[in-house]
Amino acid sequence: TPEQGAERVEFILRAPPRYGRAITLLCWMLA
């Protein structure tokens, strides 16, 4: 339902980022 969909949107937004700061910095350097 749209109500469930709105709740799922909030769950997606609150999820922590998949990649941490260390691997992100490594990819800045590699790129």
mmCIF file of all heavy atoms, coordinates in Angstrom:
data_MODEL
# 
_entry.id   MODEL 
# 
loop_
_atom_site.group_PDB 
_atom_site.id 
_atom_site.type_symbol 
_atom_site.label_atom_id 
_atom_site.label_alt_id 
_atom_site.label_comp_id 
_atom_site.label_asym_id 
_atom_site.label_entity_id 
_atom_site.label_seq_id 
_atom_site.pdbx_PDB_ins_code 
_atom_site.Cartn_x 
_atom_site.Cartn_y 
_atom_site.Cartn_z 
_atom_site.occupancy 
_atom_site.B_iso_or_equiv 
_atom_site.pdbx_formal_charge 
_atom_site.auth_seq_id 
_atom_site.auth_comp_id 
_atom_site.auth_asym_id 
_atom_site.auth_atom_id 
_atom_site.pdbx_PDB_model_num 
ATOM 1   N N   . THR A 1 1  ? 0.837  -1.194 0.000   1.00 0.00 ? 1  THR A N   1 
ATOM 2   C CA  . THR A 1 1  ? 0.000  0.000  0.000   1.00 0.00 ? 1  THR A CA  1 
ATOM 3   C C   . THR A 1 1  ? 0.878  1.253  0.000   1.00 0.00 ? 1  THR A C   1 
ATOM 4   O O   . THR A 1 1  ? 2.069  1.195  0.346   1.00 0.00 ? 1  THR A O   1 
ATOM 5   C CB  . THR A 1 1  ? -0.915 0.022  1.226   1.00 0.00 ? 1  THR A CB  1 
ATOM 6   O OG1 . THR A 1 1  ? -0.095 0.120  2.406   1.00 0.00 ? 1  THR A OG1 1 
ATOM 7   C CG2 . THR A 1 1  ? -1.753 -1.245 1.290   1.00 0.00 ? 1  THR A CG2 1 
ATOM 8   N N   . PRO A 1 2  ? 0.311  2.408  -0.386  1.00 0.00 ? 2  PRO A N   1 
ATOM 9   C CA  . PRO A 1 2  ? 1.088  3.652  -0.293  1.00 0.00 ? 2  PRO A CA  1 
ATOM 10  C C   . PRO A 1 2  ? 1.585  3.946  1.118   1.00 0.00 ? 2  PRO A C   1 
ATOM 11  O O   . PRO A 1 2  ? 2.687  4.494  1.278   1.00 0.00 ? 2  PRO A O   1 
ATOM 12  C CB  . PRO A 1 2  ? 0.093  4.717  -0.777  1.00 0.00 ? 2  PRO A CB  1 
ATOM 13  C CG  . PRO A 1 2  ? -0.850 3.985  -1.671  1.00 0.00 ? 2  PRO A CG  1 
ATOM 14  C CD  . PRO A 1 2  ? -0.979 2.623  -1.057  1.00 0.00 ? 2  PRO A CD  1 
ATOM 15  N N   . GLU A 1 3  ? 0.782  3.600  2.148   1.00 0.00 ? 3  GLU A N   1 
ATOM 16  C CA  . GLU A 1 3  ? 1.239  3.820  3.522   1.00 0.00 ? 3  GLU A CA  1 
ATOM 17  C C   . GLU A 1 3  ? 2.493  3.004  3.805   1.00 0.00 ? 3  GLU A C   1 
ATOM 18  O O   . GLU A 1 3  ? 3.473  3.495  4.386   1.00 0.00 ? 3  GLU A O   1 
ATOM 19  C CB  . GLU A 1 3  ? 0.143  3.450  4.517   1.00 0.00 ? 3  GLU A CB  1 
ATOM 20  C CG  . GLU A 1 3  ? -1.086 4.347  4.442   1.00 0.00 ? 3  GLU A CG  1 
ATOM 21  C CD  . GLU A 1 3  ? -2.132 3.783  3.495   1.00 0.00 ? 3  GLU A CD  1 
ATOM 22  O OE1 . GLU A 1 3  ? -1.757 3.040  2.556   1.00 0.00 ? 3  GLU A OE1 1 
ATOM 23  O OE2 . GLU A 1 3  ? -3.314 4.086  3.692   1.00 0.00 ? 3  GLU A OE2 1 
ATOM 24  N N   . GLN A 1 4  ? 2.475  1.733  3.394   1.00 0.00 ? 4  GLN A N   1 
ATOM 25  C CA  . GLN A 1 4  ? 3.660  0.895  3.576   1.00 0.00 ? 4  GLN A CA  1 
ATOM 26  C C   . GLN A 1 4  ? 4.828  1.410  2.743   1.00 0.00 ? 4  GLN A C   1 
ATOM 27  O O   . GLN A 1 4  ? 5.992  1.344  3.167   1.00 0.00 ? 4  GLN A O   1 
ATOM 28  C CB  . GLN A 1 4  ? 3.336  -0.549 3.201   1.00 0.00 ? 4  GLN A CB  1 
ATOM 29  C CG  . GLN A 1 4  ? 2.324  -1.214 4.121   1.00 0.00 ? 4  GLN A CG  1 
ATOM 30  C CD  . GLN A 1 4  ? 1.874  -2.569 3.606   1.00 0.00 ? 4  GLN A CD  1 
ATOM 31  O OE1 . GLN A 1 4  ? 1.792  -2.793 2.392   1.00 0.00 ? 4  GLN A OE1 1 
ATOM 32  N NE2 . GLN A 1 4  ? 1.589  -3.493 4.520   1.00 0.00 ? 4  GLN A NE2 1 
ATOM 33  N N   . GLY A 1 5  ? 4.517  1.921  1.555   1.00 0.00 ? 5  GLY A N   1 
ATOM 34  C CA  . GLY A 1 5  ? 5.562  2.472  0.701   1.00 0.00 ? 5  GLY A CA  1 
ATOM 35  C C   . GLY A 1 5  ? 6.244  3.665  1.337   1.00 0.00 ? 5  GLY A C   1 
ATOM 36  O O   . GLY A 1 5  ? 7.479  3.790  1.283   1.00 0.00 ? 5  GLY A O   1 
ATOM 37  N N   . ALA A 1 6  ? 5.476  4.558  1.957   1.00 0.00 ? 6  ALA A N   1 
ATOM 38  C CA  . ALA A 1 6  ? 6.061  5.724  2.625   1.00 0.00 ? 6  ALA A CA  1 
ATOM 39  C C   . ALA A 1 6  ? 6.974  5.285  3.773   1.00 0.00 ? 6  ALA A C   1 
ATOM 40  O O   . ALA A 1 6  ? 8.047  5.872  3.988   1.00 0.00 ? 6  ALA A O   1 
ATOM 41  C CB  . ALA A 1 6  ? 4.958  6.647  3.135   1.00 0.00 ? 6  ALA A CB  1 
ATOM 42  N N   . GLU A 1 7  ? 6.567  4.241  4.504   1.00 0.00 ? 7  GLU A N   1 
ATOM 43  C CA  . GLU A 1 7  ? 7.412  3.730  5.588   1.00 0.00 ? 7  GLU A CA  1 
ATOM 44  C C   . GLU A 1 7  ? 8.702  3.138  5.033   1.00 0.00 ? 7  GLU A C   1 
ATOM 45  O O   . GLU A 1 7  ? 9.780  3.312  5.621   1.00 0.00 ? 7  GLU A O   1 
ATOM 46  C CB  . GLU A 1 7  ? 6.653  2.694  6.393   1.00 0.00 ? 7  GLU A CB  1 
ATOM 47  C CG  . GLU A 1 7  ? 5.456  3.249  7.167   1.00 0.00 ? 7  GLU A CG  1 
ATOM 48  C CD  . GLU A 1 7  ? 4.686  2.163  7.891   1.00 0.00 ? 7  GLU A CD  1 
ATOM 49  O OE1 . GLU A 1 7  ? 5.086  0.983  7.758   1.00 0.00 ? 7  GLU A OE1 1 
ATOM 50  O OE2 . GLU A 1 7  ? 3.705  2.493  8.588   1.00 0.00 ? 7  GLU A OE2 1 
ATOM 51  N N   . ARG A 1 8  ? 8.596  2.445  3.908   1.00 0.00 ? 8  ARG A N   1 
ATOM 52  C CA  . ARG A 1 8  ? 9.785  1.852  3.291   1.00 0.00 ? 8  ARG A CA  1 
ATOM 53  C C   . ARG A 1 8  ? 10.738 2.932  2.798   1.00 0.00 ? 8  ARG A C   1 
ATOM 54  O O   . ARG A 1 8  ? 11.965 2.749  2.843   1.00 0.00 ? 8  ARG A O   1 
ATOM 55  C CB  . ARG A 1 8  ? 9.371  0.943  2.144   1.00 0.00 ? 8  ARG A CB  1 
ATOM 56  C CG  . ARG A 1 8  ? 8.720  -0.366 2.555   1.00 0.00 ? 8  ARG A CG  1 
ATOM 57  C CD  . ARG A 1 8  ? 9.747  -1.484 2.655   1.00 0.00 ? 8  ARG A CD  1 
ATOM 58  N NE  . ARG A 1 8  ? 10.383 -1.717 1.384   1.00 0.00 ? 8  ARG A NE  1 
ATOM 59  C CZ  . ARG A 1 8  ? 9.883  -2.493 0.420   1.00 0.00 ? 8  ARG A CZ  1 
ATOM 60  N NH1 . ARG A 1 8  ? 8.721  -3.124 0.609   1.00 0.00 ? 8  ARG A NH1 1 
ATOM 61  N NH2 . ARG A 1 8  ? 10.540 -2.673 -0.707  1.00 0.00 ? 8  ARG A NH2 1 
ATOM 62  N N   . VAL A 1 9  ? 10.210 4.040  2.295   1.00 0.00 ? 9  VAL A N   1 
ATOM 63  C CA  . VAL A 1 9  ? 11.075 5.147  1.859   1.00 0.00 ? 9  VAL A CA  1 
ATOM 64  C C   . VAL A 1 9  ? 11.913 5.637  3.031   1.00 0.00 ? 9  VAL A C   1 
ATOM 65  O O   . VAL A 1 9  ? 13.132 5.848  2.909   1.00 0.00 ? 9  VAL A O   1 
ATOM 66  C CB  . VAL A 1 9  ? 10.240 6.295  1.261   1.00 0.00 ? 9  VAL A CB  1 
ATOM 67  C CG1 . VAL A 1 9  ? 11.119 7.529  1.039   1.00 0.00 ? 9  VAL A CG1 1 
ATOM 68  C CG2 . VAL A 1 9  ? 9.606  5.880  -0.055  1.00 0.00 ? 9  VAL A CG2 1 
ATOM 69  N N   . GLU A 1 10 ? 11.272 5.824  4.182   1.00 0.00 ? 10 GLU A N   1 
ATOM 70  C CA  . GLU A 1 10 ? 12.004 6.281  5.360   1.00 0.00 ? 10 GLU A CA  1 
ATOM 71  C C   . GLU A 1 10 ? 13.059 5.263  5.791   1.00 0.00 ? 10 GLU A C   1 
ATOM 72  O O   . GLU A 1 10 ? 14.162 5.633  6.207   1.00 0.00 ? 10 GLU A O   1 
ATOM 73  C CB  . GLU A 1 10 ? 11.029 6.541  6.517   1.00 0.00 ? 10 GLU A CB  1 
ATOM 74  C CG  . GLU A 1 10 ? 10.019 7.629  6.251   1.00 0.00 ? 10 GLU A CG  1 
ATOM 75  C CD  . GLU A 1 10 ? 10.684 8.965  6.006   1.00 0.00 ? 10 GLU A CD  1 
ATOM 76  O OE1 . GLU A 1 10 ? 11.793 9.199  6.544   1.00 0.00 ? 10 GLU A OE1 1 
ATOM 77  O OE2 . GLU A 1 10 ? 10.124 9.781  5.247   1.00 0.00 ? 10 GLU A OE2 1 
ATOM 78  N N   . PHE A 1 11 ? 12.739 3.982  5.681   1.00 0.00 ? 11 PHE A N   1 
ATOM 79  C CA  . PHE A 1 11 ? 13.702 2.937  6.036   1.00 0.00 ? 11 PHE A CA  1 
ATOM 80  C C   . PHE A 1 11 ? 14.908 2.986  5.102   1.00 0.00 ? 11 PHE A C   1 
ATOM 81  O O   . PHE A 1 11 ? 16.059 2.841  5.547   1.00 0.00 ? 11 PHE A O   1 
ATOM 82  C CB  . PHE A 1 11 ? 13.022 1.564  5.958   1.00 0.00 ? 11 PHE A CB  1 
ATOM 83  C CG  . PHE A 1 11 ? 13.953 0.419  6.232   1.00 0.00 ? 11 PHE A CG  1 
ATOM 84  C CD1 . PHE A 1 11 ? 14.335 0.104  7.530   1.00 0.00 ? 11 PHE A CD1 1 
ATOM 85  C CD2 . PHE A 1 11 ? 14.454 -0.344 5.187   1.00 0.00 ? 11 PHE A CD2 1 
ATOM 86  C CE1 . PHE A 1 11 ? 15.204 -0.952 7.780   1.00 0.00 ? 11 PHE A CE1 1 
ATOM 87  C CE2 . PHE A 1 11 ? 15.317 -1.402 5.424   1.00 0.00 ? 11 PHE A CE2 1 
ATOM 88  C CZ  . PHE A 1 11 ? 15.692 -1.704 6.731   1.00 0.00 ? 11 PHE A CZ  1 
ATOM 89  N N   . ILE A 1 12 ? 14.675 3.191  3.806   1.00 0.00 ? 12 ILE A N   1 
ATOM 90  C CA  . ILE A 1 12 ? 15.777 3.275  2.845   1.00 0.00 ? 12 ILE A CA  1 
ATOM 91  C C   . ILE A 1 12 ? 16.662 4.491  3.139   1.00 0.00 ? 12 ILE A C   1 
ATOM 92  O O   . ILE A 1 12 ? 17.893 4.414  3.076   1.00 0.00 ? 12 ILE A O   1 
ATOM 93  C CB  . ILE A 1 12 ? 15.214 3.339  1.406   1.00 0.00 ? 12 ILE A CB  1 
ATOM 94  C CG1 . ILE A 1 12 ? 14.547 2.005  1.040   1.00 0.00 ? 12 ILE A CG1 1 
ATOM 95  C CG2 . ILE A 1 12 ? 16.315 3.674  0.404   1.00 0.00 ? 12 ILE A CG2 1 
ATOM 96  C CD1 . ILE A 1 12 ? 13.814 2.026  -0.280  1.00 0.00 ? 12 ILE A CD1 1 
ATOM 97  N N   . LEU A 1 13 ? 16.040 5.613  3.476   1.00 0.00 ? 13 LEU A N   1 
ATOM 98  C CA  . LEU A 1 13 ? 16.808 6.830  3.735   1.00 0.00 ? 13 LEU A CA  1 
ATOM 99  C C   . LEU A 1 13 ? 17.628 6.717  5.014   1.00 0.00 ? 13 LEU A C   1 
ATOM 100 O O   . LEU A 1 13 ? 18.708 7.317  5.124   1.00 0.00 ? 13 LEU A O   1 
ATOM 101 C CB  . LEU A 1 13 ? 15.871 8.031  3.823   1.00 0.00 ? 13 LEU A CB  1 
ATOM 102 C CG  . LEU A 1 13 ? 15.091 8.383  2.546   1.00 0.00 ? 13 LEU A CG  1 
ATOM 103 C CD1 . LEU A 1 13 ? 14.217 9.603  2.778   1.00 0.00 ? 13 LEU A CD1 1 
ATOM 104 C CD2 . LEU A 1 13 ? 16.047 8.631  1.392   1.00 0.00 ? 13 LEU A CD2 1 
ATOM 105 N N   . ARG A 1 14 ? 17.125 5.983  5.998   1.00 0.00 ? 14 ARG A N   1 
ATOM 106 C CA  . ARG A 1 14 ? 17.831 5.875  7.275   1.00 0.00 ? 14 ARG A CA  1 
ATOM 107 C C   . ARG A 1 14 ? 18.932 4.822  7.265   1.00 0.00 ? 14 ARG A C   1 
ATOM 108 O O   . ARG A 1 14 ? 19.740 4.773  8.197   1.00 0.00 ? 14 ARG A O   1 
ATOM 109 C CB  . ARG A 1 14 ? 16.845 5.537  8.396   1.00 0.00 ? 14 ARG A CB  1 
ATOM 110 C CG  . ARG A 1 14 ? 15.932 6.682  8.803   1.00 0.00 ? 14 ARG A CG  1 
ATOM 111 C CD  . ARG A 1 14 ? 15.272 6.381  10.143  1.00 0.00 ? 14 ARG A CD  1 
ATOM 112 N NE  . ARG A 1 14 ? 14.545 5.121  10.110  1.00 0.00 ? 14 ARG A NE  1 
ATOM 113 C CZ  . ARG A 1 14 ? 13.238 5.009  9.840   1.00 0.00 ? 14 ARG A CZ  1 
ATOM 114 N NH1 . ARG A 1 14 ? 12.532 6.096  9.566   1.00 0.00 ? 14 ARG A NH1 1 
ATOM 115 N NH2 . ARG A 1 14 ? 12.656 3.823  9.841   1.00 0.00 ? 14 ARG A NH2 1 
ATOM 116 N N   . ALA A 1 15 ? 18.983 3.995  6.254   1.00 0.00 ? 15 ALA A N   1 
ATOM 117 C CA  . ALA A 1 15 ? 19.987 2.933  6.205   1.00 0.00 ? 15 ALA A CA  1 
ATOM 118 C C   . ALA A 1 15 ? 21.392 3.533  6.160   1.00 0.00 ? 15 ALA A C   1 
ATOM 119 O O   . ALA A 1 15 ? 21.628 4.528  5.468   1.00 0.00 ? 15 ALA A O   1 
ATOM 120 C CB  . ALA A 1 15 ? 19.751 2.044  4.991   1.00 0.00 ? 15 ALA A CB  1 
ATOM 121 N N   . PRO A 1 16 ? 22.344 2.969  6.890   1.00 0.00 ? 16 PRO A N   1 
ATOM 122 C CA  . PRO A 1 16 ? 23.713 3.503  6.870   1.00 0.00 ? 16 PRO A CA  1 
ATOM 123 C C   . PRO A 1 16 ? 24.355 3.288  5.507   1.00 0.00 ? 16 PRO A C   1 
ATOM 124 O O   . PRO A 1 16 ? 23.972 2.377  4.759   1.00 0.00 ? 16 PRO A O   1 
ATOM 125 C CB  . PRO A 1 16 ? 24.413 2.683  7.961   1.00 0.00 ? 16 PRO A CB  1 
ATOM 126 C CG  . PRO A 1 16 ? 23.631 1.413  8.041   1.00 0.00 ? 16 PRO A CG  1 
ATOM 127 C CD  . PRO A 1 16 ? 22.204 1.787  7.743   1.00 0.00 ? 16 PRO A CD  1 
ATOM 128 N N   . PRO A 1 17 ? 25.313 4.119  5.146   1.00 0.00 ? 17 PRO A N   1 
ATOM 129 C CA  . PRO A 1 17 ? 25.992 3.936  3.858   1.00 0.00 ? 17 PRO A CA  1 
ATOM 130 C C   . PRO A 1 17 ? 26.708 2.596  3.802   1.00 0.00 ? 17 PRO A C   1 
ATOM 131 O O   . PRO A 1 17 ? 27.241 2.112  4.804   1.00 0.00 ? 17 PRO A O   1 
ATOM 132 C CB  . PRO A 1 17 ? 26.976 5.112  3.803   1.00 0.00 ? 17 PRO A CB  1 
ATOM 133 C CG  . PRO A 1 17 ? 27.132 5.556  5.214   1.00 0.00 ? 17 PRO A CG  1 
ATOM 134 C CD  . PRO A 1 17 ? 25.844 5.255  5.901   1.00 0.00 ? 17 PRO A CD  1 
ATOM 135 N N   . ARG A 1 18 ? 26.707 2.005  2.619   1.00 0.00 ? 18 ARG A N   1 
ATOM 136 C CA  . ARG A 1 18 ? 27.309 0.677  2.484   1.00 0.00 ? 18 ARG A CA  1 
ATOM 137 C C   . ARG A 1 18 ? 28.823 0.733  2.652   1.00 0.00 ? 18 ARG A C   1 
ATOM 138 O O   . ARG A 1 18 ? 29.434 -0.167 3.242   1.00 0.00 ? 18 ARG A O   1 
ATOM 139 C CB  . ARG A 1 18 ? 26.951 0.086  1.112   1.00 0.00 ? 18 ARG A CB  1 
ATOM 140 C CG  . ARG A 1 18 ? 27.598 -1.274 0.848   1.00 0.00 ? 18 ARG A CG  1 
ATOM 141 C CD  . ARG A 1 18 ? 27.148 -1.847 -0.463  1.00 0.00 ? 18 ARG A CD  1 
ATOM 142 N NE  . ARG A 1 18 ? 25.752 -2.246 -0.404  1.00 0.00 ? 18 ARG A NE  1 
ATOM 143 C CZ  . ARG A 1 18 ? 25.326 -3.416 0.076   1.00 0.00 ? 18 ARG A CZ  1 
ATOM 144 N NH1 . ARG A 1 18 ? 26.198 -4.283 0.587   1.00 0.00 ? 18 ARG A NH1 1 
ATOM 145 N NH2 . ARG A 1 18 ? 24.049 -3.711 0.063   1.00 0.00 ? 18 ARG A NH2 1 
ATOM 146 N N   . TYR A 1 19 ? 29.445 1.760  2.118   1.00 0.00 ? 19 TYR A N   1 
ATOM 147 C CA  . TYR A 1 19 ? 30.903 1.830  2.131   1.00 0.00 ? 19 TYR A CA  1 
ATOM 148 C C   . TYR A 1 19 ? 31.362 2.847  3.173   1.00 0.00 ? 19 TYR A C   1 
ATOM 149 O O   . TYR A 1 19 ? 30.834 3.951  3.270   1.00 0.00 ? 19 TYR A O   1 
ATOM 150 C CB  . TYR A 1 19 ? 31.438 2.211  0.754   1.00 0.00 ? 19 TYR A CB  1 
ATOM 151 C CG  . TYR A 1 19 ? 30.977 1.268  -0.334  1.00 0.00 ? 19 TYR A CG  1 
ATOM 152 C CD1 . TYR A 1 19 ? 29.974 1.636  -1.225  1.00 0.00 ? 19 TYR A CD1 1 
ATOM 153 C CD2 . TYR A 1 19 ? 31.540 0.006  -0.459  1.00 0.00 ? 19 TYR A CD2 1 
ATOM 154 C CE1 . TYR A 1 19 ? 29.548 0.773  -2.223  1.00 0.00 ? 19 TYR A CE1 1 
ATOM 155 C CE2 . TYR A 1 19 ? 31.116 -0.869 -1.447  1.00 0.00 ? 19 TYR A CE2 1 
ATOM 156 C CZ  . TYR A 1 19 ? 30.117 -0.484 -2.330  1.00 0.00 ? 19 TYR A CZ  1 
ATOM 157 O OH  . TYR A 1 19 ? 29.694 -1.342 -3.294  1.00 0.00 ? 19 TYR A OH  1 
ATOM 158 N N   . GLY A 1 20 ? 32.375 2.463  3.956   1.00 0.00 ? 20 GLY A N   1 
ATOM 159 C CA  . GLY A 1 20 ? 32.891 3.326  4.999   1.00 0.00 ? 20 GLY A CA  1 
ATOM 160 C C   . GLY A 1 20 ? 33.809 4.409  4.465   1.00 0.00 ? 20 GLY A C   1 
ATOM 161 O O   . GLY A 1 20 ? 34.115 4.473  3.257   1.00 0.00 ? 20 GLY A O   1 
ATOM 162 N N   . ARG A 1 21 ? 34.279 5.240  5.361   1.00 0.00 ? 21 ARG A N   1 
ATOM 163 C CA  . ARG A 1 21 ? 35.129 6.371  4.970   1.00 0.00 ? 21 ARG A CA  1 
ATOM 164 C C   . ARG A 1 21 ? 36.475 5.906  4.422   1.00 0.00 ? 21 ARG A C   1 
ATOM 165 O O   . ARG A 1 21 ? 37.011 6.498  3.483   1.00 0.00 ? 21 ARG A O   1 
ATOM 166 C CB  . ARG A 1 21 ? 35.342 7.293  6.166   1.00 0.00 ? 21 ARG A CB  1 
ATOM 167 C CG  . ARG A 1 21 ? 34.072 8.000  6.635   1.00 0.00 ? 21 ARG A CG  1 
ATOM 168 C CD  . ARG A 1 21 ? 34.360 8.873  7.840   1.00 0.00 ? 21 ARG A CD  1 
ATOM 169 N NE  . ARG A 1 21 ? 33.153 9.578  8.275   1.00 0.00 ? 21 ARG A NE  1 
ATOM 170 C CZ  . ARG A 1 21 ? 32.792 10.776 7.829   1.00 0.00 ? 21 ARG A CZ  1 
ATOM 171 N NH1 . ARG A 1 21 ? 33.570 11.409 6.954   1.00 0.00 ? 21 ARG A NH1 1 
ATOM 172 N NH2 . ARG A 1 21 ? 31.693 11.353 8.271   1.00 0.00 ? 21 ARG A NH2 1 
ATOM 173 N N   . ALA A 1 22 ? 37.028 4.852  4.992   1.00 0.00 ? 22 ALA A N   1 
ATOM 174 C CA  . ALA A 1 22 ? 38.361 4.400  4.574   1.00 0.00 ? 22 ALA A CA  1 
ATOM 175 C C   . ALA A 1 22 ? 38.352 3.916  3.127   1.00 0.00 ? 22 ALA A C   1 
ATOM 176 O O   . ALA A 1 22 ? 39.195 4.315  2.312   1.00 0.00 ? 22 ALA A O   1 
ATOM 177 C CB  . ALA A 1 22 ? 38.862 3.300  5.507   1.00 0.00 ? 22 ALA A CB  1 
ATOM 178 N N   . ILE A 1 23 ? 37.390 3.059  2.770   1.00 0.00 ? 23 ILE A N   1 
ATOM 179 C CA  . ILE A 1 23 ? 37.351 2.547  1.402   1.00 0.00 ? 23 ILE A CA  1 
ATOM 180 C C   . ILE A 1 23 ? 36.962 3.651  0.415   1.00 0.00 ? 23 ILE A C   1 
ATOM 181 O O   . ILE A 1 23 ? 37.421 3.669  -0.730  1.00 0.00 ? 23 ILE A O   1 
ATOM 182 C CB  . ILE A 1 23 ? 36.388 1.344  1.298   1.00 0.00 ? 23 ILE A CB  1 
ATOM 183 C CG1 . ILE A 1 23 ? 36.552 0.667  -0.061  1.00 0.00 ? 23 ILE A CG1 1 
ATOM 184 C CG2 . ILE A 1 23 ? 34.946 1.782  1.512   1.00 0.00 ? 23 ILE A CG2 1 
ATOM 185 C CD1 . ILE A 1 23 ? 35.778 -0.620 -0.191  1.00 0.00 ? 23 ILE A CD1 1 
ATOM 186 N N   . THR A 1 24 ? 36.170 4.614  0.868   1.00 0.00 ? 24 THR A N   1 
ATOM 187 C CA  . THR A 1 24 ? 35.834 5.736  -0.011  1.00 0.00 ? 24 THR A CA  1 
ATOM 188 C C   . THR A 1 24 ? 37.061 6.574  -0.324  1.00 0.00 ? 24 THR A C   1 
ATOM 189 O O   . THR A 1 24 ? 37.296 6.972  -1.471  1.00 0.00 ? 24 THR A O   1 
ATOM 190 C CB  . THR A 1 24 ? 34.747 6.605  0.642   1.00 0.00 ? 24 THR A CB  1 
ATOM 191 O OG1 . THR A 1 24 ? 33.591 5.800  0.896   1.00 0.00 ? 24 THR A OG1 1 
ATOM 192 C CG2 . THR A 1 24 ? 34.356 7.754  -0.269  1.00 0.00 ? 24 THR A CG2 1 
ATOM 193 N N   . LEU A 1 25 ? 37.883 6.849  0.692   1.00 0.00 ? 25 LEU A N   1 
ATOM 194 C CA  . LEU A 1 25 ? 39.117 7.601  0.469   1.00 0.00 ? 25 LEU A CA  1 
ATOM 195 C C   . LEU A 1 25 ? 40.063 6.832  -0.447  1.00 0.00 ? 25 LEU A C   1 
ATOM 196 O O   . LEU A 1 25 ? 40.736 7.420  -1.305  1.00 0.00 ? 25 LEU A O   1 
ATOM 197 C CB  . LEU A 1 25 ? 39.795 7.895  1.799   1.00 0.00 ? 25 LEU A CB  1 
ATOM 198 C CG  . LEU A 1 25 ? 39.127 8.949  2.687   1.00 0.00 ? 25 LEU A CG  1 
ATOM 199 C CD1 . LEU A 1 25 ? 39.863 9.056  4.016   1.00 0.00 ? 25 LEU A CD1 1 
ATOM 200 C CD2 . LEU A 1 25 ? 39.101 10.297 1.990   1.00 0.00 ? 25 LEU A CD2 1 
ATOM 201 N N   . LEU A 1 26 ? 40.132 5.518  -0.270  1.00 0.00 ? 26 LEU A N   1 
ATOM 202 C CA  . LEU A 1 26 ? 40.976 4.702  -1.145  1.00 0.00 ? 26 LEU A CA  1 
ATOM 203 C C   . LEU A 1 26 ? 40.533 4.833  -2.597  1.00 0.00 ? 26 LEU A C   1 
ATOM 204 O O   . LEU A 1 26 ? 41.366 4.925  -3.509  1.00 0.00 ? 26 LEU A O   1 
ATOM 205 C CB  . LEU A 1 26 ? 40.929 3.244  -0.690  1.00 0.00 ? 26 LEU A CB  1 
ATOM 206 C CG  . LEU A 1 26 ? 41.678 2.232  -1.564  1.00 0.00 ? 26 LEU A CG  1 
ATOM 207 C CD1 . LEU A 1 26 ? 43.174 2.530  -1.573  1.00 0.00 ? 26 LEU A CD1 1 
ATOM 208 C CD2 . LEU A 1 26 ? 41.416 0.811  -1.084  1.00 0.00 ? 26 LEU A CD2 1 
ATOM 209 N N   . CYS A 1 27 ? 39.223 4.876  -2.811  1.00 0.00 ? 27 CYS A N   1 
ATOM 210 C CA  . CYS A 1 27 ? 38.712 4.982  -4.183  1.00 0.00 ? 27 CYS A CA  1 
ATOM 211 C C   . CYS A 1 27 ? 38.922 6.376  -4.761  1.00 0.00 ? 27 CYS A C   1 
ATOM 212 O O   . CYS A 1 27 ? 39.071 6.526  -5.977  1.00 0.00 ? 27 CYS A O   1 
ATOM 213 C CB  . CYS A 1 27 ? 37.239 4.595  -4.209  1.00 0.00 ? 27 CYS A CB  1 
ATOM 214 S SG  . CYS A 1 27 ? 36.974 2.834  -3.965  1.00 0.00 ? 27 CYS A SG  1 
ATOM 215 N N   . TRP A 1 28 ? 38.924 7.414  -3.920  1.00 0.00 ? 28 TRP A N   1 
ATOM 216 C CA  . TRP A 1 28 ? 39.335 8.740  -4.400  1.00 0.00 ? 28 TRP A CA  1 
ATOM 217 C C   . TRP A 1 28 ? 40.743 8.656  -4.991  1.00 0.00 ? 28 TRP A C   1 
ATOM 218 O O   . TRP A 1 28 ? 41.004 9.170  -6.086  1.00 0.00 ? 28 TRP A O   1 
ATOM 219 C CB  . TRP A 1 28 ? 39.313 9.746  -3.248  1.00 0.00 ? 28 TRP A CB  1 
ATOM 220 C CG  . TRP A 1 28 ? 37.998 10.385 -2.956  1.00 0.00 ? 28 TRP A CG  1 
ATOM 221 C CD1 . TRP A 1 28 ? 36.963 9.835  -2.284  1.00 0.00 ? 28 TRP A CD1 1 
ATOM 222 C CD2 . TRP A 1 28 ? 37.575 11.721 -3.301  1.00 0.00 ? 28 TRP A CD2 1 
ATOM 223 N NE1 . TRP A 1 28 ? 35.917 10.740 -2.189  1.00 0.00 ? 28 TRP A NE1 1 
ATOM 224 C CE2 . TRP A 1 28 ? 36.282 11.896 -2.797  1.00 0.00 ? 28 TRP A CE2 1 
ATOM 225 C CE3 . TRP A 1 28 ? 38.196 12.766 -3.971  1.00 0.00 ? 28 TRP A CE3 1 
ATOM 226 C CZ2 . TRP A 1 28 ? 35.560 13.077 -2.962  1.00 0.00 ? 28 TRP A CZ2 1 
ATOM 227 C CZ3 . TRP A 1 28 ? 37.498 13.961 -4.136  1.00 0.00 ? 28 TRP A CZ3 1 
ATOM 228 C CH2 . TRP A 1 28 ? 36.202 14.114 -3.643  1.00 0.00 ? 28 TRP A CH2 1 
ATOM 229 N N   . MET A 1 29 ? 41.635 8.024  -4.268  1.00 0.00 ? 29 MET A N   1 
ATOM 230 C CA  . MET A 1 29 ? 43.028 7.927  -4.704  1.00 0.00 ? 29 MET A CA  1 
ATOM 231 C C   . MET A 1 29 ? 43.167 7.057  -5.950  1.00 0.00 ? 29 MET A C   1 
ATOM 232 O O   . MET A 1 29 ? 43.874 7.413  -6.907  1.00 0.00 ? 29 MET A O   1 
ATOM 233 C CB  . MET A 1 29 ? 43.875 7.369  -3.560  1.00 0.00 ? 29 MET A CB  1 
ATOM 234 C CG  . MET A 1 29 ? 45.350 7.276  -3.876  1.00 0.00 ? 29 MET A CG  1 
ATOM 235 S SD  . MET A 1 29 ? 46.336 6.775  -2.429  1.00 0.00 ? 29 MET A SD  1 
ATOM 236 C CE  . MET A 1 29 ? 45.673 5.133  -2.143  1.00 0.00 ? 29 MET A CE  1 
ATOM 237 N N   . LEU A 1 30 ? 42.473 5.913  -5.966  1.00 0.00 ? 30 LEU A N   1 
ATOM 238 C CA  . LEU A 1 30 ? 42.575 5.012  -7.114  1.00 0.00 ? 30 LEU A CA  1 
ATOM 239 C C   . LEU A 1 30 ? 41.995 5.636  -8.376  1.00 0.00 ? 30 LEU A C   1 
ATOM 240 O O   . LEU A 1 30 ? 42.554 5.479  -9.467  1.00 0.00 ? 30 LEU A O   1 
ATOM 241 C CB  . LEU A 1 30 ? 41.850 3.699  -6.799  1.00 0.00 ? 30 LEU A CB  1 
ATOM 242 C CG  . LEU A 1 30 ? 42.476 2.812  -5.722  1.00 0.00 ? 30 LEU A CG  1 
ATOM 243 C CD1 . LEU A 1 30 ? 41.611 1.591  -5.473  1.00 0.00 ? 30 LEU A CD1 1 
ATOM 244 C CD2 . LEU A 1 30 ? 43.886 2.400  -6.116  1.00 0.00 ? 30 LEU A CD2 1 
ATOM 245 N N   . ALA A 1 31 ? 40.879 6.349  -8.246  1.00 0.00 ? 31 ALA A N   1 
ATOM 246 C CA  . ALA A 1 31 ? 40.271 6.977  -9.417  1.00 0.00 ? 31 ALA A CA  1 
ATOM 247 C C   . ALA A 1 31 ? 41.212 8.004  -10.041 1.00 0.00 ? 31 ALA A C   1 
ATOM 248 O O   . ALA A 1 31 ? 41.348 8.086  -11.264 1.00 0.00 ? 31 ALA A O   1 
ATOM 249 C CB  . ALA A 1 31 ? 38.947 7.644  -9.025  1.00 0.00 ? 31 ALA A CB  1 
# 
